[in-house]
């Protein structure tokens, strides 16, 4: 087994066996050969089997050759030699090299002679010449495409690639909930998120804030007053980083995932305006959401001393104060 064809057959056989095992063995998203190391042993047996077939084949060929008479052997060798000469790959390879055989080098020897060292006038290999022509064609096409017809240049390609990458990142963030931080967190209003936040709250927060959020050791979570600021970003940051130094709640960022902190923060904000059983007195400062929509106020002048305003469809009458 010394022919190139034998080696190629063995390699092809191994590649075929590998892909057959990968496609037939169920391994999920991982490679079968990684999930089931026993496949290495199977491939090893296949490799030995392939070598054995090649050895047996060459042995049978040798036995049959020795069984021929001299005339038949000569015809067989002549046919083999003819087959080699007609080998398309070898002939193409020789043409691409365009080398002169050693016995014909006298045809290309130049008259230059330097202390017995002579120079050969070899032609450039055709493969090199073809590649050189290809670079000329490429240069012409490139010039016409990008300098005559104003094709997209490298800066524009970079900007397009960056924009596509950013779009892919944003799309990925929609499903990667645990990439949330204080800058990207948003108020969750879905029933599943609120229910998940309630579960986290009841498991970790009721000891200080009571089950209805009315407050105990911790402040009341249902009123308009907040010690460290209201709104989803401030509440998320408080849950993540903890309360005031030396007092207040502990940081939960090591115990809860970012998605869980977003859910429990949203649940806490959903408690606003509810009526706890025994609410604690307000603590902190009155919080007014700077991003809240401004409600339209309808003003009606009754006379020179009174005006009437309609807020949330409720009429409110007041005196005009002159300064």
Protein backbone atom coordinates (compact mmCIF):
# COMPACT_ATOMS: atom_id res chain seq x y z
CA UNK A 1 0.00 0.00 0.00
CA UNK A 2 2.31 2.72 -1.25
CA UNK A 3 0.24 4.50 -3.89
CA UNK A 4 -1.28 7.93 -3.48
CA UNK A 5 -4.65 6.51 -4.47
CA UNK A 6 -4.56 4.18 -1.46
CA UNK A 7 -3.96 7.05 0.92
CA UNK A 8 -6.73 9.10 -0.66
CA UNK A 9 -9.17 6.20 -0.43
CA UNK A 10 -8.41 5.73 3.28
CA UNK A 11 -8.83 9.45 3.97
CA UNK A 12 -12.09 9.55 2.02
CA UNK A 13 -13.36 6.48 3.83
CA UNK A 14 -12.60 8.05 7.23
CA UNK A 15 -14.28 11.34 6.32
CA UNK A 16 -17.37 9.46 5.12
CA UNK A 17 -17.48 7.39 8.33
CA UNK A 18 -17.12 10.52 10.47
CA UNK A 19 -20.05 12.33 8.82
CA UNK A 20 -22.23 9.22 8.85
CA UNK A 21 -21.71 8.91 12.61
CA UNK A 22 -22.37 12.61 13.15
CA UNK A 23 -25.65 12.51 11.21
CA UNK A 24 -26.91 9.21 12.57
CA UNK A 25 -26.05 9.63 16.27
CA UNK A 26 -28.39 12.04 18.09
CA UNK A 27 -26.28 14.52 20.03
CA UNK A 28 -28.31 17.73 20.16
CA UNK A 29 -26.37 20.94 19.56
CA UNK A 30 -22.96 19.39 20.33
CA UNK A 31 -20.76 17.22 18.14
CA UNK A 32 -21.48 13.53 18.55
CA UNK A 33 -17.76 12.81 18.80
CA UNK A 34 -17.57 15.22 21.77
CA UNK A 35 -20.72 14.01 23.52
CA UNK A 36 -19.91 10.32 23.00
CA UNK A 37 -16.11 9.75 23.20
CA UNK A 38 -16.67 6.09 22.30
CA UNK A 39 -17.01 7.28 18.70
CA UNK A 40 -13.22 7.78 18.70
CA UNK A 41 -12.85 4.04 19.25
CA UNK A 42 -15.33 3.32 16.45
CA UNK A 43 -13.38 5.57 14.07
CA UNK A 44 -10.17 3.83 15.12
CA UNK A 45 -11.66 0.46 14.18
CA UNK A 46 -12.85 1.91 10.86
CA UNK A 47 -9.33 3.20 10.19
CA UNK A 48 -7.78 -0.22 10.87
CA UNK A 49 -10.46 -1.83 8.68
CA UNK A 50 -9.69 0.58 5.80
CA UNK A 51 -5.96 -0.14 6.03
CA UNK A 52 -6.63 -3.88 6.07
CA UNK A 53 -8.74 -3.62 2.91
CA UNK A 54 -5.98 -1.71 1.11
CA UNK A 55 -3.30 -4.19 2.24
CA UNK A 56 -5.41 -7.17 1.15
CA UNK A 57 -6.15 -5.49 -2.18
CA UNK A 58 -2.44 -4.82 -2.87
CA UNK A 59 -1.51 -8.35 -1.80
CA UNK A 60 -4.05 -9.91 -4.15
CA UNK A 61 -2.85 -7.68 -6.96
CA UNK A 62 0.76 -8.75 -6.31
CA UNK A 63 -0.20 -12.46 -6.24
CA UNK A 64 -2.13 -12.15 -9.49
CA UNK A 65 0.77 -10.28 -11.13
CA UNK A 66 3.27 -12.97 -10.16
CA UNK A 67 0.92 -15.59 -11.56
CA UNK A 68 1.13 -14.07 -15.05
CA UNK A 69 3.69 -15.17 -17.64
CA UNK A 70 6.42 -12.75 -18.71
CA UNK A 71 4.52 -11.48 -21.76
CA UNK A 72 1.39 -10.77 -19.75
CA UNK A 73 3.46 -9.03 -17.05
CA UNK A 74 5.08 -6.85 -19.71
CA UNK A 75 1.68 -5.90 -21.14
CA UNK A 76 0.38 -5.12 -17.65
CA UNK A 77 3.38 -2.89 -16.84
CA UNK A 78 3.05 -1.13 -20.20
CA UNK A 79 -0.63 -0.47 -19.53
CA UNK A 80 0.21 0.91 -16.07
CA UNK A 81 2.86 3.18 -17.56
CA UNK A 82 0.43 4.39 -20.22
CA UNK A 83 -2.17 5.09 -17.53
CA UNK A 84 0.32 7.18 -15.58
CA UNK A 85 1.26 9.16 -18.68
CA UNK A 86 -2.42 9.88 -19.36
CA UNK A 87 -3.03 11.05 -15.79
CA UNK A 88 -4.79 14.40 -16.19
CA UNK A 89 -3.75 15.74 -12.79
CA UNK A 90 -0.08 15.00 -13.29
CA UNK A 91 -0.07 16.39 -16.80
CA UNK A 92 -1.83 19.56 -15.68
CA UNK A 93 0.63 19.94 -12.80
CA UNK A 94 3.58 19.64 -15.18
CA UNK A 95 2.07 22.20 -17.54
CA UNK A 96 1.55 24.67 -14.69
CA UNK A 97 5.21 24.31 -13.69
CA UNK A 98 6.53 24.35 -17.27
CA UNK A 99 9.85 22.93 -16.12
CA UNK A 100 12.44 21.58 -18.49
CA UNK A 101 13.59 18.08 -17.59
CA UNK A 102 17.20 17.73 -16.57
CA UNK A 103 18.18 16.03 -19.83
CA UNK A 104 16.84 18.98 -21.87
CA UNK A 105 18.43 21.83 -19.92
CA UNK A 106 21.05 22.27 -22.65
CA UNK A 107 18.30 23.85 -24.77
CA UNK A 108 17.88 26.79 -22.37
CA UNK A 109 21.47 27.35 -21.20
CA UNK A 110 22.64 30.93 -21.80
CA UNK A 111 26.13 31.93 -22.84
CA UNK A 112 26.83 33.48 -19.46
CA UNK A 113 29.53 31.61 -17.63
CA UNK A 114 30.84 32.66 -14.22
CA UNK A 115 33.64 30.39 -13.09
CA UNK A 116 31.78 27.38 -14.41
CA UNK A 117 28.39 28.55 -13.16
CA UNK A 118 25.98 28.84 -16.07
CA UNK A 119 22.56 30.49 -16.25
CA UNK A 120 19.35 28.86 -17.41
CA UNK A 121 16.73 30.84 -19.31
CA UNK A 122 13.70 29.34 -17.58
CA UNK A 123 10.31 30.79 -18.46
CA UNK A 124 8.00 32.04 -15.75
CA UNK A 125 5.72 29.28 -14.43
CA UNK A 126 2.28 29.52 -16.07
CA UNK A 127 0.51 29.49 -12.67
CA UNK A 128 2.46 32.62 -11.68
CA UNK A 129 1.69 34.32 -14.99
CA UNK A 130 -2.03 33.51 -14.70
CA UNK A 131 -2.14 34.92 -11.17
CA UNK A 132 -0.39 38.09 -12.36
CA UNK A 133 -2.97 38.53 -15.11
CA UNK A 134 -5.73 37.94 -12.55
CA UNK A 135 -4.37 40.76 -10.34
CA UNK A 136 -4.40 43.13 -13.33
CA UNK A 137 -8.03 42.26 -14.09
CA UNK A 138 -8.95 42.66 -10.42
CA UNK A 139 -7.25 46.07 -10.27
CA UNK A 140 -9.19 47.31 -13.31
CA UNK A 141 -12.52 46.06 -11.94
CA UNK A 142 -11.76 47.58 -8.52
CA UNK A 143 -10.87 50.96 -10.03
CA UNK A 144 -14.02 51.07 -12.14
CA UNK A 145 -16.25 49.88 -9.30
CA UNK A 146 -14.98 52.12 -6.50
CA UNK A 147 -13.39 55.14 -8.21
CA UNK A 148 -15.54 55.65 -11.29
CA UNK A 149 -19.00 54.44 -10.26
CA UNK A 150 -18.68 55.51 -6.58
CA UNK A 151 -19.04 52.08 -5.00
CA UNK A 152 -19.20 51.62 -1.25
CA UNK A 153 -15.77 52.35 0.19
CA UNK A 154 -14.18 50.78 3.26
CA UNK A 155 -15.41 53.51 5.63
CA UNK A 156 -18.99 53.00 4.48
CA UNK A 157 -18.64 49.24 4.72
CA UNK A 158 -17.40 49.67 8.28
CA UNK A 159 -20.33 51.91 9.21
CA UNK A 160 -22.81 49.45 7.67
CA UNK A 161 -21.19 46.55 9.52
CA UNK A 162 -21.30 48.48 12.83
CA UNK A 163 -24.97 49.36 12.30
CA UNK A 164 -25.81 45.73 11.55
CA UNK A 165 -23.88 44.60 14.63
CA UNK A 166 -25.73 47.09 16.84
CA UNK A 167 -29.07 45.92 15.45
CA UNK A 168 -28.11 42.31 16.16
CA UNK A 169 -27.07 43.25 19.71
CA UNK A 170 -30.39 45.00 20.33
CA UNK A 171 -32.25 41.99 18.96
CA UNK A 172 -30.21 39.72 21.22
CA UNK A 173 -30.93 41.90 24.26
CA UNK A 174 -34.66 41.38 23.74
CA UNK A 175 -34.29 37.73 24.68
CA UNK A 176 -31.24 38.03 26.97
CA UNK A 177 -33.03 39.23 30.08
CA UNK A 178 -30.02 38.99 32.36
CA UNK A 179 -28.10 41.67 30.46
CA UNK A 180 -30.24 44.28 32.24
CA UNK A 181 -28.51 46.97 34.28
CA UNK A 182 -29.58 50.20 35.96
CA UNK A 183 -29.22 52.11 32.68
CA UNK A 184 -31.28 49.73 30.52
CA UNK A 185 -33.91 48.45 32.97
CA UNK A 186 -37.51 49.20 32.05
CA UNK A 187 -40.74 48.95 33.99
CA UNK A 188 -42.36 45.56 33.46
CA UNK A 189 -46.14 45.42 33.35
CA UNK A 190 -46.85 41.91 32.07
CA UNK A 191 -48.78 39.57 34.33
CA UNK A 192 -46.06 36.91 34.29
CA UNK A 193 -43.32 39.39 35.22
CA UNK A 194 -45.41 40.91 38.03
CA UNK A 195 -46.27 37.44 39.37
CA UNK A 196 -42.57 36.45 39.26
CA UNK A 197 -41.67 39.70 41.05
CA UNK A 198 -44.29 39.00 43.72
CA UNK A 199 -42.75 35.57 44.30
CA UNK A 200 -39.28 37.10 44.77
CA UNK A 201 -40.74 39.80 47.04
CA UNK A 202 -42.56 37.31 49.27
CA UNK A 203 -39.45 35.14 49.51
CA UNK A 204 -36.99 37.92 50.40
CA UNK A 205 -38.65 41.24 51.27
CA UNK A 206 -41.69 40.74 53.49
CA UNK A 207 -39.58 40.48 56.66
CA UNK A 208 -38.81 44.20 56.39
CA UNK A 209 -41.61 45.59 54.21
CA UNK A 210 -44.52 43.25 55.13
CA UNK A 211 -46.44 41.18 52.63
CA UNK A 212 -48.62 44.12 51.51
CA UNK A 213 -45.68 46.57 51.28
CA UNK A 214 -46.94 48.66 54.19
CA UNK A 215 -43.51 48.76 55.83
CA UNK A 216 -42.03 47.45 59.05
CA UNK A 217 -38.31 47.63 59.59
CA UNK A 218 -38.17 48.97 56.07
CA UNK A 219 -40.19 51.89 54.68
CA UNK A 220 -43.71 51.90 53.29
CA UNK A 221 -43.61 51.03 49.58
CA UNK A 222 -47.14 52.14 48.73
CA UNK A 223 -46.93 55.92 49.27
CA UNK A 224 -45.31 58.71 47.23
CA UNK A 225 -42.22 59.07 49.44
CA UNK A 226 -38.89 57.41 48.73
CA UNK A 227 -35.63 57.48 50.66
CA UNK A 228 -33.41 56.74 47.65
CA UNK A 229 -35.73 57.86 44.88
CA UNK A 230 -38.64 56.26 43.11
CA UNK A 231 -39.05 55.08 39.56
CA UNK A 232 -37.83 51.81 38.07
CA UNK A 233 -34.17 52.83 37.74
CA UNK A 234 -33.82 54.04 41.34
CA UNK A 235 -35.69 51.07 42.78
CA UNK A 236 -33.66 48.63 40.66
CA UNK A 237 -30.43 50.31 41.81
CA UNK A 238 -31.54 50.10 45.47
CA UNK A 239 -32.37 46.40 45.13
CA UNK A 240 -29.07 45.74 43.37
CA UNK A 241 -26.69 47.87 45.45
CA UNK A 242 -28.55 48.02 48.76
CA UNK A 243 -29.66 50.94 50.91
CA UNK A 244 -27.74 53.63 52.75
CA UNK A 245 -24.29 52.81 54.15
CA UNK A 246 -24.48 51.41 57.67
CA UNK A 247 -28.23 51.00 57.59
CA UNK A 248 -30.95 50.02 55.22
CA UNK A 249 -31.37 46.94 53.08
CA UNK A 250 -28.54 44.71 51.89
CA UNK A 251 -27.46 44.43 48.25
CA UNK A 252 -29.22 41.64 46.39
CA UNK A 253 -27.09 41.60 43.23
CA UNK A 254 -25.24 38.49 44.37
CA UNK A 255 -28.44 36.59 45.20
CA UNK A 256 -30.79 37.64 42.42
CA UNK A 257 -30.38 37.66 38.66
CA UNK A 258 -30.78 41.01 36.86
CA UNK A 259 -34.06 39.79 35.38
CA UNK A 260 -35.33 38.88 38.87
CA UNK A 261 -34.31 42.29 40.23
CA UNK A 262 -36.21 43.96 37.38
CA UNK A 263 -39.27 41.84 38.13
CA UNK A 264 -39.28 42.50 41.88
CA UNK A 265 -38.64 46.24 41.29
CA UNK A 266 -41.60 46.37 38.92
CA UNK A 267 -43.75 44.53 41.47
CA UNK A 268 -42.76 47.02 44.18
CA UNK A 269 -43.84 49.90 41.93
CA UNK A 270 -47.13 48.10 41.24
CA UNK A 271 -47.90 48.38 44.97
CA UNK A 272 -48.03 52.19 44.70
CA UNK A 273 -51.44 53.52 45.62
CA UNK A 274 -52.63 50.33 47.29
CA UNK A 275 -53.95 50.35 50.85
CA UNK A 276 -51.91 48.22 53.27
CA UNK A 277 -53.40 47.02 56.54
CA UNK A 278 -51.11 48.97 58.85
CA UNK A 279 -49.15 51.47 56.74
CA UNK A 280 -45.99 52.99 58.13
CA UNK A 281 -45.56 56.77 58.16
CA UNK A 282 -43.93 58.18 55.00
CA UNK A 283 -40.14 58.34 54.97
CA UNK A 284 -37.82 60.16 52.65
CA UNK A 285 -38.81 62.74 50.06
CA UNK A 286 -41.85 63.13 47.86
CA UNK A 287 -41.05 61.56 44.49
CA UNK A 288 -42.40 63.02 41.27
CA UNK A 289 -41.53 61.09 38.15
CA UNK A 290 -39.82 63.55 35.76
CA UNK A 291 -40.86 61.39 32.82
CA UNK A 292 -44.54 61.27 33.76
CA UNK A 293 -46.86 62.80 31.12
CA UNK A 294 -48.13 66.27 31.95
CA UNK A 295 -51.91 66.28 32.30
CA UNK A 296 -53.86 69.03 30.66
CA UNK A 297 -55.54 71.44 33.07
CA UNK A 298 -58.71 73.21 31.96
CA UNK A 299 -58.97 76.72 33.43
CA UNK A 300 -62.22 78.71 33.51
CA UNK A 301 -62.42 82.30 34.76
CA UNK A 302 -65.56 82.83 36.86
CA UNK A 303 -64.99 86.47 37.70
CA UNK A 304 -62.15 88.76 38.66
CA UNK A 305 -61.70 87.05 41.99
CA UNK A 306 -62.32 83.36 41.25
CA UNK A 307 -61.18 80.79 38.72
CA UNK A 308 -62.20 77.18 38.20
CA UNK A 309 -59.75 74.46 37.07
CA UNK A 310 -60.69 70.97 35.92
CA UNK A 311 -58.08 68.40 36.98
CA UNK A 312 -58.72 64.76 36.09
CA UNK A 313 -62.29 65.72 35.15
CA UNK A 314 -62.91 67.08 38.69
CA UNK A 315 -63.73 70.79 38.95
CA UNK A 316 -61.68 72.75 41.53
CA UNK A 317 -62.56 76.32 42.39
CA UNK A 318 -60.08 78.74 43.96
CA UNK A 319 -59.50 82.37 44.70
CA UNK A 320 -57.31 84.61 42.55
CA UNK A 321 -54.39 85.85 44.63
CA UNK A 322 -53.15 89.32 43.68
CA UNK A 323 -49.56 90.25 44.53
